Amino acid sequence: MTGIRMSLRRARVTRAHLRQERALLRALADAPTVETAHEIAAISARR
């Protein structure tokens, strides 16, 4: 059972990471100015 639980946890973590990446890409695409997009990119680089 431990192997199954580890696999499920890994899949959840991966999905969460991909969700965050998609949200970041949406924020960059919706940025009203180039400066705002640059700030979003700089903040994401620090994480």
PDB file of N, CA and C in Angstrom:
ATOM      1  N   MET A   1       0.810  -1.190   0.000  1.00  0.00           N
ATOM      2  CA  MET A   1       0.000   0.000   0.000  1.00  0.00           C
ATOM      3  C   MET A   1       0.860   1.262   0.000  1.00  0.00           C
ATOM      4  N   THR A   2       2.001   1.207   0.611  1.00  0.00           N
ATOM      5  CA  THR A   2       2.841   2.390   0.695  1.00  0.00           C
ATOM      6  C   THR A   2       3.256   2.871  -0.691  1.00  0.00           C
ATOM      7  N   GLY A   3       3.552   1.944  -1.573  1.00  0.00           N
ATOM      8  CA  GLY A   3       3.932   2.311  -2.933  1.00  0.00           C
ATOM      9  C   GLY A   3       2.816   3.025  -3.666  1.00  0.00           C
ATOM     10  N   ILE A   4       1.599   2.558  -3.468  1.00  0.00           N
ATOM     11  CA  ILE A   4       0.438   3.193  -4.103  1.00  0.00           C
ATOM     12  C   ILE A   4       0.256   4.600  -3.547  1.00  0.00           C
ATOM     13  N   ARG A   5       0.359   4.730  -2.245  1.00  0.00           N
ATOM     14  CA  ARG A   5       0.203   6.048  -1.624  1.00  0.00           C
ATOM     15  C   ARG A   5       1.276   7.018  -2.103  1.00  0.00           C
ATOM     16  N   MET A   6       2.487   6.529  -2.215  1.00  0.00           N
ATOM     17  CA  MET A   6       3.582   7.387  -2.702  1.00  0.00           C
ATOM     18  C   MET A   6       3.322   7.821  -4.147  1.00  0.00           C
ATOM     19  N   SER A   7       2.844   6.927  -4.965  1.00  0.00           N
ATOM     20  CA  SER A   7       2.547   7.248  -6.359  1.00  0.00           C
ATOM     21  C   SER A   7       1.431   8.277  -6.454  1.00  0.00           C
ATOM     22  N   LEU A   8       0.392   8.099  -5.649  1.00  0.00           N
ATOM     23  CA  LEU A   8      -0.710   9.056  -5.648  1.00  0.00           C
ATOM     24  C   LEU A   8      -0.256  10.432  -5.175  1.00  0.00           C
ATOM     25  N   ARG A   9       0.576  10.446  -4.145  1.00  0.00           N
ATOM     26  CA  ARG A   9       1.077  11.722  -3.622  1.00  0.00           C
ATOM     27  C   ARG A   9       1.939  12.429  -4.670  1.00  0.00           C
ATOM     28  N   ARG A  10       2.794  11.663  -5.328  1.00  0.00           N
ATOM     29  CA  ARG A  10       3.652  12.231  -6.360  1.00  0.00           C
ATOM     30  C   ARG A  10       2.817  12.816  -7.501  1.00  0.00           C
ATOM     31  N   ALA A  11       1.755  12.115  -7.870  1.00  0.00           N
ATOM     32  CA  ALA A  11       0.866  12.603  -8.931  1.00  0.00           C
ATOM     33  C   ALA A  11       0.164  13.890  -8.508  1.00  0.00           C
ATOM     34  N   ARG A  12      -0.259  13.959  -7.237  1.00  0.00           N
ATOM     35  CA  ARG A  12      -0.905  15.186  -6.736  1.00  0.00           C
ATOM     36  C   ARG A  12       0.060  16.353  -6.746  1.00  0.00           C
ATOM     37  N   VAL A  13       1.287  16.116  -6.313  1.00  0.00           N
ATOM     38  CA  VAL A  13       2.294  17.174  -6.281  1.00  0.00           C
ATOM     39  C   VAL A  13       2.599  17.658  -7.700  1.00  0.00           C
ATOM     40  N   THR A  14       2.701  16.730  -8.623  1.00  0.00           N
ATOM     41  CA  THR A  14       2.975  17.083 -10.018  1.00  0.00           C
ATOM     42  C   THR A  14       1.832  17.913 -10.591  1.00  0.00           C
ATOM     43  N   ARG A  15       0.595  17.487 -10.338  1.00  0.00           N
ATOM     44  CA  ARG A  15      -0.563  18.246 -10.842  1.00  0.00           C
ATOM     45  C   ARG A  15      -0.601  19.642 -10.251  1.00  0.00           C
ATOM     46  N   ALA A  16      -0.286  19.771  -8.976  1.00  0.00           N
ATOM     47  CA  ALA A  16      -0.281  21.087  -8.329  1.00  0.00           C
ATOM     48  C   ALA A  16       0.779  21.986  -8.952  1.00  0.00           C
ATOM     49  N   HIS A  17       1.940  21.416  -9.220  1.00  0.00           N
ATOM     50  CA  HIS A  17       3.010  22.192  -9.839  1.00  0.00           C
ATOM     51  C   HIS A  17       2.599  22.661 -11.237  1.00  0.00           C
ATOM     52  N   LEU A  18       2.016  21.766 -12.010  1.00  0.00           N
ATOM     53  CA  LEU A  18       1.574  22.135 -13.360  1.00  0.00           C
ATOM     54  C   LEU A  18       0.472  23.192 -13.309  1.00  0.00           C
ATOM     55  N   ARG A  19      -0.407  23.100 -12.310  1.00  0.00           N
ATOM     56  CA  ARG A  19      -1.462  24.098 -12.147  1.00  0.00           C
ATOM     57  C   ARG A  19      -0.852  25.471 -11.872  1.00  0.00           C
ATOM     58  N   GLN A  20       0.174  25.508 -11.019  1.00  0.00           N
ATOM     59  CA  GLN A  20       0.848  26.771 -10.720  1.00  0.00           C
ATOM     60  C   GLN A  20       1.541  27.340 -11.949  1.00  0.00           C
ATOM     61  N   GLU A  21       2.158  26.479 -12.731  1.00  0.00           N
ATOM     62  CA  GLU A  21       2.829  26.937 -13.950  1.00  0.00           C
ATOM     63  C   GLU A  21       1.833  27.515 -14.944  1.00  0.00           C
ATOM     64  N   ARG A  22       0.684  26.854 -15.100  1.00  0.00           N
ATOM     65  CA  ARG A  22      -0.339  27.375 -16.016  1.00  0.00           C
ATOM     66  C   ARG A  22      -0.874  28.717 -15.525  1.00  0.00           C
ATOM     67  N   ALA A  23      -1.053  28.861 -14.214  1.00  0.00           N
ATOM     68  CA  ALA A  23      -1.527  30.129 -13.654  1.00  0.00           C
ATOM     69  C   ALA A  23      -0.512  31.232 -13.918  1.00  0.00           C
ATOM     70  N   LEU A  24       0.761  30.921 -13.790  1.00  0.00           N
ATOM     71  CA  LEU A  24       1.809  31.911 -14.058  1.00  0.00           C
ATOM     72  C   LEU A  24       1.791  32.324 -15.524  1.00  0.00           C
ATOM     73  N   LEU A  25       1.667  31.353 -16.418  1.00  0.00           N
ATOM     74  CA  LEU A  25       1.622  31.670 -17.848  1.00  0.00           C
ATOM     75  C   LEU A  25       0.403  32.514 -18.192  1.00  0.00           C
ATOM     76  N   ARG A  26      -0.738  32.231 -17.551  1.00  0.00           N
ATOM     77  CA  ARG A  26      -1.933  33.055 -17.777  1.00  0.00           C
ATOM     78  C   ARG A  26      -1.704  34.469 -17.283  1.00  0.00           C
ATOM     79  N   ALA A  27      -1.071  34.608 -16.122  1.00  0.00           N
ATOM     80  CA  ALA A  27      -0.797  35.944 -15.579  1.00  0.00           C
ATOM     81  C   ALA A  27       0.138  36.715 -16.501  1.00  0.00           C
ATOM     82  N   LEU A  28       1.134  36.043 -17.031  1.00  0.00           N
ATOM     83  CA  LEU A  28       2.045  36.717 -17.966  1.00  0.00           C
ATOM     84  C   LEU A  28       1.313  37.139 -19.235  1.00  0.00           C
ATOM     85  N   ALA A  29       0.452  36.282 -19.747  1.00  0.00           N
ATOM     86  CA  ALA A  29      -0.282  36.601 -20.973  1.00  0.00           C
ATOM     87  C   ALA A  29      -1.277  37.733 -20.759  1.00  0.00           C
ATOM     88  N   ASP A  30      -1.847  37.819 -19.556  1.00  0.00           N
ATOM     89  CA  ASP A  30      -2.856  38.836 -19.271  1.00  0.00           C
ATOM     90  C   ASP A  30      -2.268  40.123 -18.700  1.00  0.00           C
ATOM     91  N   ALA A  31      -0.970  40.185 -18.562  1.00  0.00           N
ATOM     92  CA  ALA A  31      -0.332  41.374 -17.985  1.00  0.00           C
ATOM     93  C   ALA A  31      -0.632  42.598 -18.861  1.00  0.00           C
ATOM     94  N   PRO A  32      -1.063  43.685 -18.235  1.00  0.00           N
ATOM     95  CA  PRO A  32      -1.447  44.862 -19.017  1.00  0.00           C
ATOM     96  C   PRO A  32      -0.263  45.569 -19.691  1.00  0.00           C
ATOM     97  N   THR A  33       0.917  45.444 -19.114  1.00  0.00           N
ATOM     98  CA  THR A  33       2.087  46.111 -19.690  1.00  0.00           C
ATOM     99  C   THR A  33       3.278  45.160 -19.692  1.00  0.00           C
ATOM    100  N   VAL A  34       4.270  45.518 -20.457  1.00  0.00           N
ATOM    101  CA  VAL A  34       5.494  44.721 -20.509  1.00  0.00           C
ATOM    102  C   VAL A  34       6.191  44.756 -19.155  1.00  0.00           C
ATOM    103  N   GLU A  35       6.123  45.905 -18.487  1.00  0.00           N
ATOM    104  CA  GLU A  35       6.761  46.030 -17.171  1.00  0.00           C
ATOM    105  C   GLU A  35       6.109  45.097 -16.156  1.00  0.00           C
ATOM    106  N   THR A  36       4.796  45.001 -16.214  1.00  0.00           N
ATOM    107  CA  THR A  36       4.083  44.106 -15.309  1.00  0.00           C
ATOM    108  C   THR A  36       4.471  42.658 -15.581  1.00  0.00           C
ATOM    109  N   ALA A  37       4.553  42.293 -16.849  1.00  0.00           N
ATOM    110  CA  ALA A  37       4.959  40.937 -17.206  1.00  0.00           C
ATOM    111  C   ALA A  37       6.368  40.652 -16.694  1.00  0.00           C
ATOM    112  N   HIS A  38       7.232  41.650 -16.796  1.00  0.00           N
ATOM    113  CA  HIS A  38       8.598  41.475 -16.302  1.00  0.00           C
ATOM    114  C   HIS A  38       8.605  41.270 -14.790  1.00  0.00           C
ATOM    115  N   GLU A  39       7.789  42.027 -14.064  1.00  0.00           N
ATOM    116  CA  GLU A  39       7.710  41.873 -12.610  1.00  0.00           C
ATOM    117  C   GLU A  39       7.193  40.482 -12.231  1.00  0.00           C
ATOM    118  N   ILE A  40       6.186  40.012 -12.951  1.00  0.00           N
ATOM    119  CA  ILE A  40       5.646  38.676 -12.678  1.00  0.00           C
ATOM    120  C   ILE A  40       6.724  37.623 -12.921  1.00  0.00           C
ATOM    121  N   ALA A  41       7.454  37.773 -14.011  1.00  0.00           N
ATOM    122  CA  ALA A  41       8.524  36.819 -14.318  1.00  0.00           C
ATOM    123  C   ALA A  41       9.619  36.868 -13.257  1.00  0.00           C
ATOM    124  N   ALA A  42       9.950  38.064 -12.775  1.00  0.00           N
ATOM    125  CA  ALA A  42      10.994  38.194 -11.752  1.00  0.00           C
ATOM    126  C   ALA A  42      10.557  37.545 -10.444  1.00  0.00           C
ATOM    127  N   ILE A  43       9.299  37.739 -10.083  1.00  0.00           N
ATOM    128  CA  ILE A  43       8.790  37.136  -8.854  1.00  0.00           C
ATOM    129  C   ILE A  43       8.798  35.614  -8.963  1.00  0.00           C
ATOM    130  N   SER A  44       8.390  35.103 -10.129  1.00  0.00           N
ATOM    131  CA  SER A  44       8.348  33.645 -10.283  1.00  0.00           C
ATOM    132  C   SER A  44       9.736  33.041 -10.308  1.00  0.00           C
ATOM    133  N   ALA A  45      10.732  33.793 -10.759  1.00  0.00           N
ATOM    134  CA  ALA A  45      12.110  33.288 -10.788  1.00  0.00           C
ATOM    135  C   ALA A  45      12.672  33.118  -9.387  1.00  0.00           C
ATOM    136  N   ARG A  46      12.154  33.891  -8.437  1.00  0.00           N
ATOM    137  CA  ARG A  46      12.640  33.827  -7.050  1.00  0.00           C
ATOM    138  C   ARG A  46      12.084  32.661  -6.281  1.00  0.00           C
ATOM    139  N   ARG A  47      11.054  31.992  -6.793  1.00  0.00           N
ATOM    140  CA  ARG A  47      10.467  30.900  -6.022  1.00  0.00           C
ATOM    141  C   ARG A  47      11.157  29.638  -6.251  1.00  0.00           C
TER     142      ARG A  47
END
